[in-house]
Amino acid sequence: MQTTERYTLADLEKWRETTRDIEPPIRLGVLGDPVAHSLSPQMQNAALRACKIDMQYARFHIRANELRLALLFLHKFDFIGINLTVPHKIAALAQVDEADESASRCGAVNTIRLRN
């Protein structure tokens, strides 16, 4: 089943149960508050399908006070990376282990690559 939903921190807390019937698996996403307006899932999922990459990209409605915990859950569940929209771009810089020079210079991040 493809996803067009918005997920929350509550969904991440029970991620395996929440996404049990979703194929291909969700391994990428955008975090924001608000996030419903984001067209990233449509664009990214079209590209993933065109390239025959077996994963999905989804929206996550994450409030500012939930960012740190959300990032921990995403890492735990083997997400590859996420994009950030407001209000997380500045706050996320303090949550990453390393940042490239341009992110450090502007004091914000747009994309986080998650690694094991």
N, C-alpha and C. Protein backbone atom coordinates (compact mmCIF):
# COMPACT_ATOMS: atom_id res chain seq x y z
N MET A 1 0.84 -1.17 0.00
CA MET A 1 0.00 0.00 0.00
C MET A 1 0.89 1.24 0.00
N GLN A 2 0.60 2.18 -0.88
CA GLN A 2 1.31 3.46 -0.93
C GLN A 2 0.76 4.36 0.17
N THR A 3 1.55 5.31 0.61
CA THR A 3 1.10 6.23 1.65
C THR A 3 0.96 7.65 1.11
N THR A 4 -0.07 8.32 1.54
CA THR A 4 -0.23 9.74 1.25
C THR A 4 -0.54 10.47 2.55
N GLU A 5 -0.42 9.75 3.64
CA GLU A 5 -0.78 10.28 4.95
C GLU A 5 0.28 11.21 5.51
N ARG A 6 -0.11 11.82 6.61
CA ARG A 6 0.78 12.58 7.47
C ARG A 6 0.96 11.77 8.73
N TYR A 7 2.18 11.64 9.17
CA TYR A 7 2.46 10.90 10.39
C TYR A 7 2.84 11.87 11.50
N THR A 8 2.75 11.41 12.74
CA THR A 8 3.05 12.24 13.91
C THR A 8 4.05 11.51 14.79
N LEU A 9 4.46 12.17 15.87
CA LEU A 9 5.35 11.53 16.83
C LEU A 9 4.68 10.29 17.42
N ALA A 10 3.38 10.35 17.66
CA ALA A 10 2.66 9.18 18.19
C ALA A 10 2.77 7.99 17.23
N ASP A 11 2.75 8.26 15.93
CA ASP A 11 2.92 7.18 14.94
C ASP A 11 4.34 6.62 15.00
N LEU A 12 5.33 7.50 15.15
CA LEU A 12 6.72 7.04 15.24
C LEU A 12 6.95 6.17 16.47
N GLU A 13 6.25 6.47 17.55
CA GLU A 13 6.41 5.69 18.77
C GLU A 13 5.98 4.24 18.58
N LYS A 14 5.08 3.99 17.64
CA LYS A 14 4.64 2.62 17.34
C LYS A 14 4.77 2.36 15.84
N TRP A 15 5.93 2.75 15.30
CA TRP A 15 6.16 2.76 13.86
C TRP A 15 5.96 1.40 13.19
N ARG A 16 6.48 0.35 13.76
CA ARG A 16 6.34 -0.96 13.10
C ARG A 16 4.87 -1.35 12.96
N GLU A 17 4.10 -1.09 13.99
CA GLU A 17 2.66 -1.38 13.95
C GLU A 17 1.95 -0.44 12.97
N THR A 18 2.28 0.83 13.01
CA THR A 18 1.64 1.84 12.16
C THR A 18 1.84 1.54 10.69
N THR A 19 3.01 1.04 10.33
CA THR A 19 3.35 0.86 8.91
C THR A 19 3.41 -0.60 8.48
N ARG A 20 2.85 -1.46 9.28
CA ARG A 20 2.91 -2.90 9.01
C ARG A 20 2.48 -3.26 7.59
N ASP A 21 1.43 -2.62 7.06
CA ASP A 21 0.90 -2.97 5.74
C ASP A 21 1.36 -2.04 4.62
N ILE A 22 2.33 -1.21 4.88
CA ILE A 22 2.77 -0.25 3.87
C ILE A 22 3.98 -0.79 3.12
N GLU A 23 3.83 -0.88 1.82
CA GLU A 23 4.91 -1.31 0.93
C GLU A 23 4.91 -0.40 -0.28
N PRO A 24 6.06 -0.03 -0.75
CA PRO A 24 7.36 -0.25 -0.14
C PRO A 24 7.50 0.53 1.16
N PRO A 25 8.52 0.22 1.95
CA PRO A 25 8.66 0.86 3.26
C PRO A 25 8.96 2.36 3.15
N ILE A 26 8.56 3.09 4.16
CA ILE A 26 8.87 4.52 4.24
C ILE A 26 10.25 4.64 4.87
N ARG A 27 11.19 5.23 4.14
CA ARG A 27 12.57 5.38 4.63
C ARG A 27 13.08 6.81 4.52
N LEU A 28 12.22 7.70 3.98
CA LEU A 28 12.57 9.11 3.77
C LEU A 28 11.38 9.96 4.15
N GLY A 29 11.60 11.24 4.46
CA GLY A 29 10.46 12.08 4.78
C GLY A 29 10.80 13.54 4.96
N VAL A 30 9.74 14.31 5.18
CA VAL A 30 9.86 15.74 5.49
C VAL A 30 9.20 15.98 6.83
N LEU A 31 9.88 16.73 7.70
CA LEU A 31 9.36 17.07 9.03
C LEU A 31 9.03 18.55 9.05
N GLY A 32 7.84 18.88 9.57
CA GLY A 32 7.48 20.29 9.68
C GLY A 32 6.25 20.49 10.55
N ASP A 33 5.95 21.75 10.80
CA ASP A 33 4.75 22.14 11.55
C ASP A 33 4.39 23.56 11.13
N PRO A 34 3.58 23.68 10.08
CA PRO A 34 2.78 22.68 9.39
C PRO A 34 3.59 21.94 8.33
N VAL A 35 3.01 20.84 7.82
CA VAL A 35 3.67 20.06 6.79
C VAL A 35 2.69 19.58 5.71
N ALA A 36 1.39 19.74 5.94
CA ALA A 36 0.39 19.24 4.99
C ALA A 36 0.55 19.86 3.60
N HIS A 37 1.07 21.06 3.54
CA HIS A 37 1.22 21.77 2.27
C HIS A 37 2.37 21.25 1.41
N SER A 38 3.26 20.48 2.00
CA SER A 38 4.48 20.06 1.30
C SER A 38 4.17 19.16 0.11
N LEU A 39 4.73 19.51 -1.03
CA LEU A 39 4.60 18.69 -2.23
C LEU A 39 5.76 17.70 -2.37
N SER A 40 6.67 17.73 -1.42
CA SER A 40 7.84 16.84 -1.48
C SER A 40 7.48 15.37 -1.64
N PRO A 41 6.49 14.84 -0.91
CA PRO A 41 6.20 13.41 -1.09
C PRO A 41 5.80 13.05 -2.52
N GLN A 42 4.99 13.87 -3.16
CA GLN A 42 4.59 13.55 -4.53
C GLN A 42 5.81 13.55 -5.46
N MET A 43 6.65 14.57 -5.33
CA MET A 43 7.83 14.66 -6.20
C MET A 43 8.84 13.55 -5.90
N GLN A 44 9.14 13.35 -4.63
CA GLN A 44 10.15 12.35 -4.27
C GLN A 44 9.68 10.93 -4.59
N ASN A 45 8.40 10.64 -4.32
CA ASN A 45 7.89 9.30 -4.61
C ASN A 45 7.86 9.02 -6.10
N ALA A 46 7.55 10.03 -6.91
CA ALA A 46 7.60 9.85 -8.37
C ALA A 46 9.03 9.52 -8.81
N ALA A 47 10.00 10.22 -8.25
CA ALA A 47 11.40 9.96 -8.60
C ALA A 47 11.84 8.57 -8.13
N LEU A 48 11.45 8.19 -6.92
CA LEU A 48 11.80 6.86 -6.42
C LEU A 48 11.22 5.76 -7.32
N ARG A 49 9.96 5.92 -7.73
CA ARG A 49 9.34 4.92 -8.62
C ARG A 49 10.05 4.89 -9.97
N ALA A 50 10.34 6.07 -10.53
CA ALA A 50 10.99 6.14 -11.84
C ALA A 50 12.37 5.47 -11.82
N CYS A 51 13.05 5.58 -10.70
CA CYS A 51 14.38 4.98 -10.56
C CYS A 51 14.33 3.55 -10.02
N LYS A 52 13.11 3.05 -9.83
CA LYS A 52 12.90 1.69 -9.31
C LYS A 52 13.60 1.48 -7.96
N ILE A 53 13.49 2.48 -7.10
CA ILE A 53 14.02 2.39 -5.74
C ILE A 53 12.86 2.03 -4.83
N ASP A 54 13.01 0.93 -4.12
CA ASP A 54 11.91 0.33 -3.37
C ASP A 54 11.76 0.93 -1.97
N MET A 55 11.32 2.19 -1.93
CA MET A 55 11.03 2.86 -0.66
C MET A 55 10.12 4.05 -0.94
N GLN A 56 9.58 4.61 0.15
CA GLN A 56 8.70 5.77 0.04
C GLN A 56 9.18 6.93 0.90
N TYR A 57 8.64 8.10 0.57
CA TYR A 57 8.92 9.36 1.24
C TYR A 57 7.58 9.86 1.79
N ALA A 58 7.54 10.31 3.05
CA ALA A 58 6.26 10.70 3.68
C ALA A 58 6.40 12.01 4.45
N ARG A 59 5.23 12.57 4.79
CA ARG A 59 5.16 13.78 5.63
C ARG A 59 5.07 13.39 7.10
N PHE A 60 5.74 14.20 7.95
CA PHE A 60 5.68 14.01 9.39
C PHE A 60 5.36 15.34 10.05
N HIS A 61 4.20 15.41 10.69
CA HIS A 61 3.81 16.62 11.42
C HIS A 61 4.45 16.53 12.80
N ILE A 62 5.55 17.23 12.94
CA ILE A 62 6.35 17.18 14.18
C ILE A 62 6.43 18.59 14.74
N ARG A 63 5.99 18.76 15.97
CA ARG A 63 6.05 20.07 16.63
C ARG A 63 7.49 20.35 17.09
N ALA A 64 7.78 21.62 17.33
CA ALA A 64 9.14 22.02 17.70
C ALA A 64 9.66 21.25 18.91
N ASN A 65 8.82 21.06 19.91
CA ASN A 65 9.26 20.36 21.13
C ASN A 65 9.38 18.85 20.93
N GLU A 66 9.03 18.34 19.76
CA GLU A 66 9.10 16.91 19.47
C GLU A 66 10.27 16.54 18.56
N LEU A 67 10.99 17.55 18.07
CA LEU A 67 12.01 17.30 17.05
C LEU A 67 13.07 16.30 17.50
N ARG A 68 13.66 16.51 18.65
CA ARG A 68 14.74 15.63 19.11
C ARG A 68 14.28 14.17 19.20
N LEU A 69 13.13 13.94 19.80
CA LEU A 69 12.62 12.58 19.94
C LEU A 69 12.27 11.99 18.57
N ALA A 70 11.69 12.78 17.69
CA ALA A 70 11.36 12.30 16.35
C ALA A 70 12.63 11.85 15.62
N LEU A 71 13.70 12.62 15.71
CA LEU A 71 14.95 12.24 15.05
C LEU A 71 15.50 10.94 15.62
N LEU A 72 15.38 10.74 16.92
CA LEU A 72 15.82 9.48 17.53
C LEU A 72 15.02 8.30 17.00
N PHE A 73 13.71 8.45 16.89
CA PHE A 73 12.87 7.37 16.35
C PHE A 73 13.22 7.10 14.88
N LEU A 74 13.39 8.14 14.10
CA LEU A 74 13.71 7.96 12.68
C LEU A 74 15.02 7.19 12.53
N HIS A 75 15.99 7.50 13.34
CA HIS A 75 17.26 6.78 13.30
C HIS A 75 17.06 5.32 13.72
N LYS A 76 16.30 5.11 14.77
CA LYS A 76 16.03 3.75 15.28
C LYS A 76 15.37 2.87 14.22
N PHE A 77 14.49 3.47 13.41
CA PHE A 77 13.75 2.68 12.42
C PHE A 77 14.38 2.74 11.04
N ASP A 78 15.67 2.97 10.99
CA ASP A 78 16.47 2.85 9.76
C ASP A 78 16.04 3.78 8.63
N PHE A 79 15.61 4.97 8.97
CA PHE A 79 15.36 5.95 7.92
C PHE A 79 16.71 6.35 7.33
N ILE A 80 16.71 6.71 6.07
CA ILE A 80 17.93 7.10 5.39
C ILE A 80 18.19 8.59 5.55
N GLY A 81 17.12 9.37 5.44
CA GLY A 81 17.29 10.82 5.56
C GLY A 81 15.97 11.53 5.60
N ILE A 82 16.04 12.79 6.01
CA ILE A 82 14.83 13.61 6.09
C ILE A 82 15.14 15.03 5.63
N ASN A 83 14.09 15.68 5.16
CA ASN A 83 14.14 17.10 4.86
C ASN A 83 13.39 17.82 5.96
N LEU A 84 13.73 19.07 6.15
CA LEU A 84 13.11 19.87 7.20
C LEU A 84 12.45 21.10 6.61
N THR A 85 11.31 21.45 7.19
CA THR A 85 10.67 22.71 6.86
C THR A 85 10.44 23.43 8.19
N VAL A 86 9.78 24.57 8.13
CA VAL A 86 9.58 25.35 9.35
C VAL A 86 8.83 24.52 10.39
N PRO A 87 9.16 24.68 11.63
CA PRO A 87 10.13 25.58 12.27
C PRO A 87 11.45 24.88 12.58
N HIS A 88 11.77 23.78 11.92
CA HIS A 88 12.87 22.92 12.36
C HIS A 88 14.25 23.21 11.79
N LYS A 89 14.35 24.00 10.76
CA LYS A 89 15.64 24.18 10.08
C LYS A 89 16.75 24.69 10.99
N ILE A 90 16.45 25.65 11.85
CA ILE A 90 17.47 26.20 12.75
C ILE A 90 17.72 25.26 13.93
N ALA A 91 16.65 24.79 14.56
CA ALA A 91 16.79 23.92 15.73
C ALA A 91 17.52 22.62 15.40
N ALA A 92 17.34 22.12 14.20
CA ALA A 92 17.95 20.84 13.82
C ALA A 92 19.46 20.91 13.76
N LEU A 93 20.01 22.09 13.52
CA LEU A 93 21.47 22.20 13.45
C LEU A 93 22.12 21.72 14.75
N ALA A 94 21.49 21.98 15.87
CA ALA A 94 22.03 21.54 17.17
C ALA A 94 21.84 20.04 17.40
N GLN A 95 21.05 19.39 16.57
CA GLN A 95 20.74 17.96 16.75
C GLN A 95 21.62 17.04 15.91
N VAL A 96 22.40 17.60 15.00
CA VAL A 96 23.20 16.75 14.10
C VAL A 96 24.61 16.57 14.64
N ASP A 97 25.22 15.44 14.32
CA ASP A 97 26.59 15.15 14.76
C ASP A 97 27.61 15.99 14.01
N GLU A 98 27.33 16.26 12.74
CA GLU A 98 28.22 17.09 11.95
C GLU A 98 27.39 17.82 10.90
N ALA A 99 27.88 18.99 10.51
CA ALA A 99 27.18 19.80 9.50
C ALA A 99 28.20 20.27 8.48
N ASP A 100 27.75 20.39 7.23
CA ASP A 100 28.69 20.91 6.24
C ASP A 100 28.87 22.42 6.44
N GLU A 101 29.84 22.96 5.74
CA GLU A 101 30.22 24.36 5.94
C GLU A 101 29.07 25.32 5.66
N SER A 102 28.29 25.06 4.61
CA SER A 102 27.20 25.98 4.28
C SER A 102 26.11 25.98 5.35
N ALA A 103 25.81 24.82 5.92
CA ALA A 103 24.81 24.75 7.00
C ALA A 103 25.32 25.48 8.23
N SER A 104 26.57 25.27 8.55
CA SER A 104 27.15 25.96 9.71
C SER A 104 27.15 27.47 9.51
N ARG A 105 27.49 27.89 8.31
CA ARG A 105 27.56 29.32 8.01
C ARG A 105 26.20 30.00 8.11
N CYS A 106 25.16 29.33 7.60
CA CYS A 106 23.83 29.97 7.63
C CYS A 106 23.06 29.64 8.91
N GLY A 107 23.54 28.69 9.71
CA GLY A 107 22.91 28.39 10.98
C GLY A 107 21.63 27.60 10.87
N ALA A 108 21.51 26.83 9.79
CA ALA A 108 20.28 26.05 9.57
C ALA A 108 20.59 24.86 8.67
N VAL A 109 19.75 23.83 8.76
CA VAL A 109 19.88 22.67 7.87
C VAL A 109 18.56 22.41 7.16
N ASN A 110 18.67 21.92 5.95
CA ASN A 110 17.50 21.57 5.16
C ASN A 110 17.33 20.06 5.06
N THR A 111 18.45 19.33 5.11
CA THR A 111 18.44 17.88 4.92
C THR A 111 19.35 17.24 5.96
N ILE A 112 18.89 16.13 6.51
CA ILE A 112 19.71 15.35 7.44
C ILE A 112 19.82 13.93 6.91
N ARG A 113 21.05 13.49 6.77
CA ARG A 113 21.30 12.09 6.40
C ARG A 113 21.45 11.32 7.71
N LEU A 114 20.66 10.28 7.86
CA LEU A 114 20.70 9.46 9.07
C LEU A 114 21.58 8.25 8.80
N ARG A 115 22.48 7.95 9.72
CA ARG A 115 23.39 6.82 9.55
C ARG A 115 23.32 5.92 10.76
N ASN A 116 23.65 4.66 10.56
CA ASN A 116 23.78 3.71 11.68
C ASN A 116 25.21 3.65 12.11
